[in-house]
Protein backbone atom coordinates (compact mmCIF):
# COMPACT_ATOMS: atom_id res chain seq x y z
CA MET A 1 101.94 71.75 104.79
CA HIS A 2 103.59 72.23 101.43
CA TRP A 3 101.90 75.79 101.18
CA SER A 4 104.03 76.87 104.08
CA LEU A 5 107.32 76.05 102.07
CA ILE A 6 105.83 77.68 99.09
CA SER A 7 105.40 80.53 101.35
CA ILE A 8 108.47 81.01 102.87
CA VAL A 9 110.15 80.45 99.48
CA ALA A 10 108.40 83.42 97.83
CA TYR A 11 109.06 85.65 100.75
CA THR A 12 112.91 84.42 100.70
CA LEU A 13 113.04 85.23 96.80
CA THR A 14 111.52 88.96 97.37
CA ALA A 15 113.83 89.84 100.27
CA LEU A 16 116.60 88.69 98.13
CA VAL A 17 115.33 90.31 94.87
CA THR A 18 114.95 93.24 97.22
CA ALA A 19 118.39 93.18 98.47
CA VAL A 20 119.81 92.96 95.32
CA THR A 21 117.96 96.02 93.64
CA ARG A 22 118.81 97.93 96.66
CA THR A 23 122.92 97.27 96.20
CA ALA A 24 122.51 97.48 92.52
CA GLY A 25 122.41 101.49 92.99
CA HIS A 26 118.56 101.50 91.87
CA SER A 27 117.22 105.11 93.40
CA ARG A 28 113.68 103.85 93.55
CA ASP A 29 112.66 104.45 96.65
CA THR A 30 109.42 102.07 97.35
CA ALA A 31 109.47 102.92 101.07
CA MET A 32 108.72 99.31 101.95
CA ILE A 33 108.45 98.31 105.50
CA PRO A 34 110.56 95.17 106.13
CA VAL A 35 108.22 92.37 107.51
CA THR A 36 108.93 91.25 110.95
CA VAL A 37 109.07 87.75 112.24
CA PRO A 38 105.73 87.86 114.40
CA GLU A 39 104.04 89.38 111.40
CA LEU A 40 105.24 86.72 108.79
CA LEU A 41 104.22 83.59 111.20
CA ARG A 42 100.83 85.89 111.69
CA TRP A 43 100.09 85.53 107.90
CA LEU A 44 101.56 82.12 107.49
CA ARG A 45 98.94 80.63 110.32
CA LEU A 46 95.77 82.49 108.78
CA THR A 47 97.09 81.26 105.44
CA ALA A 48 98.83 77.95 105.33
CA LEU A 49 99.98 76.90 108.73
CA PRO A 50 97.30 74.74 110.84
CA ALA A 51 96.56 75.99 114.09
CA PRO A 52 98.77 74.87 117.29
CA VAL A 53 97.18 72.01 118.87
CA ARG A 54 96.96 73.01 122.75
CA SER A 55 95.24 69.93 124.48
CA LEU A 56 96.38 68.61 127.49
CA GLU A 57 97.00 65.20 125.79
CA HIS A 58 99.13 66.59 122.92
CA LEU A 59 101.16 68.36 125.70
CA LEU A 60 101.45 65.38 127.61
CA HIS A 61 102.53 63.06 124.57
CA TRP A 62 105.45 65.95 123.46
CA THR A 63 106.76 66.35 126.92
CA ALA A 64 107.06 62.83 128.18
């Protein structure tokens, strides 16, 4: 589970550096598209997060 934390920290640092670079007045336009939440979740599920459990027993355990 620590890989998901590392991934989120890396994404946050990348977003912060990009924001600081843009506000600092650098004219380098990289034409990067912001990552959406569903896209980030999809990448995290492919690389770091385990697949969600969808069994009836698990569902009943968490709804009881």
